[in-house]
Each structure stands twice: as C-alpha cells, then as structure tokens.
Amino acid sequence: PPLALAAAADLAASALNPSMDSWDQAPAASALEADLTTALAAEIYPHTPSPDAVITTGGTEANQLALLLARERHGPVQTVCATNTHHSVARAAWLLGLPEPVTVPAPDDTMDPAALAQTLTRLDRPLLVVATAGTTDTGAIDPLDTIADLCATHGAELHIDAAYGGPLLFSPTHRPLL
C-alpha cells in the first residue's frame, strides 16, 4: 500500500501536471530536478568538481540508456548481469542490437562475486557489468564494492541499476548499503 506522503505527493503532481519538456512549462519542477540531480551526483561522485546526473522515467529507461552509452563508447559491448537483474536489461540489449547478456548466479537474490570473477576472466572485452541496488521483488542489493573492484581488475564498465534502492544514498542510516 502507498504511504500517505506518497499519495499526497501524487495528488500534488497530478493537480499541477508539470510538463518537464522545458523550463518555461515547469520552472519550479525544473529547478527541483536540477537540485536533486546535483545532490545525487555529489553523493555518488564526491571528489568530482562538477558531477552531473539525469532523471529518467524509470529503471527500464535508465538501463537502456546505460547500455546505449556503453555501446556508443565501446561498440558492441557484452553485458554481464545476474539472474536477479531486472528483465529490462536483456530487452535493452536486444533493442540495441547487442549480444544477449551473460548471466551469473544470484544465490540469496544477490550477484555471486566468485561466479562474476570467473565470467569476467573468460569473456572478451568490452564488458559492461550490470549490478542491482535494490531488486524490485525483495529489495536485495548486490555486493557493490566487491563487484566494482572486480570490474576495475578486469577492465569492465559498471552500471548499477539503482532505480529502486538509489534513494538510500540520502539516508544516513541506510547509505552504507550502497
């Protein structure tokens, strides 16, 4: 069931019906979006002088954008993900003409780092690993630090699908999970 605050926010958004197409159609919402993306980017990249982020319509679009950007940088990347990864990753690979993702096991609904290491060792480059920060079914979070280290060791790019769990960055209590 929705939270009362979420219902109130949805009511306000529906009543205001801001169109985010351009600043002149929704100046307050555009300013709020800019503040939010600036704060989020600063949380993720605290040592970058001018970090930036973008808000998408949801996790499906964000995953497709991640695969598109990796393809534009490196050509036909091989995506590696876990069995707990959102189905939109495989669909995005198909839509973008990329190879079918290689999947590694996800016992306990999180990516198996040992299986990922073996997979990264045997695959040709370029590689894009998709980790999950909050599955839609259980909220499980992959071991992100370990996965990031493996990506660095094997020269793979890392995309973290944080559509569900990303806002934990703003929580002092739950932030360490990410």
Protein backbone atom coordinates (compact mmCIF):
# COMPACT_ATOMS: atom_id res chain seq x y z
CA PRO A 1 0.00 0.00 0.00
CA PRO A 2 1.21 3.51 -0.70
CA LEU A 3 2.46 5.77 2.04
CA ALA A 4 0.21 8.70 2.92
CA LEU A 5 3.00 11.09 1.95
CA ALA A 6 3.36 9.37 -1.44
CA ALA A 7 -0.38 9.67 -2.05
CA ALA A 8 -0.26 13.37 -1.19
CA ALA A 9 2.73 13.91 -3.48
CA ASP A 10 0.94 12.08 -6.28
CA LEU A 11 -2.11 14.25 -5.76
CA ALA A 12 0.00 17.41 -5.93
CA ALA A 13 1.81 16.19 -9.06
CA SER A 14 -1.49 15.28 -10.72
CA ALA A 15 -3.06 18.63 -9.83
CA LEU A 16 -0.08 20.63 -11.03
CA ASN A 17 0.58 18.33 -14.01
CA PRO A 18 4.03 19.77 -14.67
CA SER A 19 5.36 19.10 -18.14
CA MET A 20 9.10 18.63 -17.90
CA ASP A 21 9.60 19.30 -21.62
CA SER A 22 11.09 22.71 -21.00
CA TRP A 23 11.82 25.16 -18.20
CA ASP A 24 9.11 27.61 -19.26
CA GLN A 25 6.42 24.92 -18.83
CA ALA A 26 7.54 23.89 -15.34
CA PRO A 27 10.09 26.26 -13.82
CA ALA A 28 9.69 25.10 -10.21
CA ALA A 29 9.79 21.41 -11.12
CA SER A 30 12.78 22.02 -13.41
CA ALA A 31 14.66 23.79 -10.61
CA LEU A 32 13.80 20.98 -8.19
CA GLU A 33 15.02 18.38 -10.70
CA ALA A 34 18.29 20.26 -11.15
CA ASP A 35 18.81 20.46 -7.38
CA LEU A 36 18.03 16.78 -6.95
CA THR A 37 20.36 15.61 -9.73
CA THR A 38 23.16 17.85 -8.46
CA ALA A 39 22.78 16.47 -4.92
CA LEU A 40 22.58 12.88 -6.15
CA ALA A 41 25.65 13.25 -8.37
CA ALA A 42 27.60 14.81 -5.49
CA GLU A 43 26.67 11.83 -3.29
CA ILE A 44 27.93 9.36 -5.90
CA TYR A 45 30.99 11.31 -7.06
CA PRO A 46 32.05 13.41 -4.03
CA HIS A 47 35.53 14.18 -5.42
CA THR A 48 34.43 15.24 -8.91
CA PRO A 49 34.41 19.04 -9.41
CA SER A 50 31.08 19.26 -11.28
CA PRO A 51 29.31 15.91 -11.18
CA ASP A 52 26.04 15.58 -13.03
CA ALA A 53 23.15 13.14 -13.27
CA VAL A 54 19.96 12.73 -15.23
CA ILE A 55 16.50 11.62 -14.18
CA THR A 56 14.78 9.11 -16.43
CA THR A 57 11.18 7.98 -16.47
CA GLY A 58 12.18 4.82 -14.62
CA GLY A 59 14.58 1.92 -14.29
CA THR A 60 13.78 0.47 -17.71
CA GLU A 61 14.78 3.68 -19.47
CA ALA A 62 17.83 4.10 -17.22
CA ASN A 63 19.05 0.59 -18.02
CA GLN A 64 18.55 1.12 -21.73
CA LEU A 65 20.41 4.43 -21.52
CA ALA A 66 23.32 2.74 -19.70
CA LEU A 67 23.64 0.09 -22.41
CA LEU A 68 23.31 2.71 -25.14
CA LEU A 69 26.06 4.88 -23.63
CA ALA A 70 28.35 1.85 -23.22
CA ARG A 71 27.71 0.87 -26.85
CA GLU A 72 28.42 4.40 -28.04
CA ARG A 73 31.72 4.45 -26.14
CA HIS A 74 32.96 0.95 -26.94
CA GLY A 75 30.94 -0.59 -29.76
CA PRO A 76 29.08 -3.86 -29.22
CA VAL A 77 29.66 -4.43 -25.51
CA GLN A 78 28.95 -7.75 -23.85
CA THR A 79 26.61 -7.24 -20.92
CA VAL A 80 27.13 -9.35 -17.82
CA CYS A 81 24.43 -9.46 -15.17
CA ALA A 82 22.98 -11.77 -12.53
CA THR A 83 19.83 -13.82 -12.57
CA ASN A 84 18.32 -11.22 -10.20
CA THR A 85 18.79 -8.42 -12.75
CA HIS A 86 15.69 -6.62 -13.98
CA HIS A 87 14.33 -8.03 -17.25
CA SER A 88 14.72 -4.64 -18.93
CA VAL A 89 18.49 -5.22 -19.27
CA ALA A 90 18.03 -8.19 -21.61
CA ARG A 91 15.37 -6.30 -23.54
CA ALA A 92 17.61 -3.24 -23.87
CA ALA A 93 20.45 -5.41 -25.19
CA TRP A 94 18.09 -6.88 -27.78
CA LEU A 95 16.70 -3.47 -28.79
CA LEU A 96 20.21 -2.04 -29.18
CA GLY A 97 21.49 -4.96 -31.24
CA LEU A 98 23.89 -6.09 -28.51
CA PRO A 99 24.73 -9.70 -27.68
CA GLU A 100 22.44 -11.49 -25.28
CA PRO A 101 23.58 -10.78 -21.70
CA VAL A 102 25.70 -13.38 -19.95
CA THR A 103 24.10 -14.18 -16.61
CA VAL A 104 25.80 -15.30 -13.42
CA PRO A 105 24.08 -16.92 -10.45
CA ALA A 106 22.40 -14.84 -7.75
CA PRO A 107 22.04 -17.02 -4.66
CA ASP A 108 20.12 -15.25 -1.93
CA ASP A 109 18.96 -12.81 -4.66
CA THR A 110 22.39 -11.13 -4.96
CA MET A 111 25.10 -11.49 -7.59
CA ASP A 112 27.71 -14.16 -6.83
CA PRO A 113 31.13 -12.39 -6.91
CA ALA A 114 33.10 -15.63 -7.46
CA ALA A 115 30.95 -16.51 -10.47
CA LEU A 116 31.32 -12.95 -11.76
CA ALA A 117 35.12 -13.15 -11.45
CA GLN A 118 35.18 -16.41 -13.43
CA THR A 119 32.90 -14.95 -16.09
CA LEU A 120 34.92 -11.74 -16.47
CA THR A 121 38.12 -13.80 -16.81
CA ARG A 122 36.80 -15.85 -19.73
CA LEU A 123 34.97 -13.17 -21.74
CA ASP A 124 36.42 -10.84 -24.37
CA ARG A 125 36.28 -7.09 -23.92
CA PRO A 126 34.49 -4.66 -23.94
CA LEU A 127 32.32 -5.67 -21.00
CA LEU A 128 29.52 -3.94 -19.12
CA VAL A 129 28.54 -5.41 -15.76
CA VAL A 130 25.06 -4.54 -14.52
CA ALA A 131 24.69 -4.77 -10.75
CA THR A 132 21.50 -4.14 -8.81
CA ALA A 133 20.95 -1.80 -5.88
CA GLY A 134 17.51 -2.90 -4.79
CA THR A 135 15.69 -5.61 -6.71
CA THR A 136 12.04 -4.89 -7.37
CA ASP A 137 10.95 -8.19 -5.80
CA THR A 138 12.87 -8.21 -2.50
CA GLY A 139 14.94 -5.02 -2.36
CA ALA A 140 18.16 -7.09 -2.35
CA ILE A 141 21.38 -5.19 -3.01
CA ASP A 142 24.30 -6.81 -4.81
CA PRO A 143 27.75 -6.64 -3.11
CA LEU A 144 28.54 -3.40 -4.93
CA ASP A 145 32.05 -2.73 -3.55
CA THR A 146 33.23 -6.22 -4.46
CA ILE A 147 31.65 -6.00 -7.91
CA ALA A 148 33.24 -2.58 -8.51
CA ASP A 149 36.65 -3.98 -7.54
CA LEU A 150 36.19 -6.92 -9.93
CA CYS A 151 35.21 -4.55 -12.73
CA ALA A 152 38.32 -2.44 -12.12
CA THR A 153 40.53 -5.54 -12.07
CA HIS A 154 39.08 -6.89 -15.32
CA GLY A 155 38.68 -3.58 -17.15
CA ALA A 156 34.90 -3.80 -17.29
CA GLU A 157 32.49 -0.90 -17.03
CA LEU A 158 29.92 -0.98 -14.25
CA HIS A 159 26.31 0.16 -14.36
CA ILE A 160 24.31 -0.06 -11.15
CA ASP A 161 20.57 -0.29 -11.57
CA ALA A 162 19.58 1.80 -8.55
CA ALA A 163 16.09 2.74 -9.65
CA TYR A 164 14.67 1.06 -6.58
CA GLY A 165 17.42 1.47 -3.99
CA GLY A 166 19.25 4.60 -5.13
CA PRO A 167 17.42 6.99 -2.81
CA LEU A 168 19.08 5.17 0.11
CA LEU A 169 22.04 7.46 -0.61
CA PHE A 170 20.07 10.23 1.09
CA SER A 171 19.53 8.16 4.25
CA PRO A 172 22.30 8.39 6.88
CA THR A 173 21.08 5.08 8.32
CA HIS A 174 20.90 3.06 5.09
CA ARG A 175 23.54 4.79 2.97
CA PRO A 176 26.26 2.23 3.84
CA LEU A 177 24.25 -0.41 1.98
CA LEU A 178 25.21 1.34 -1.24
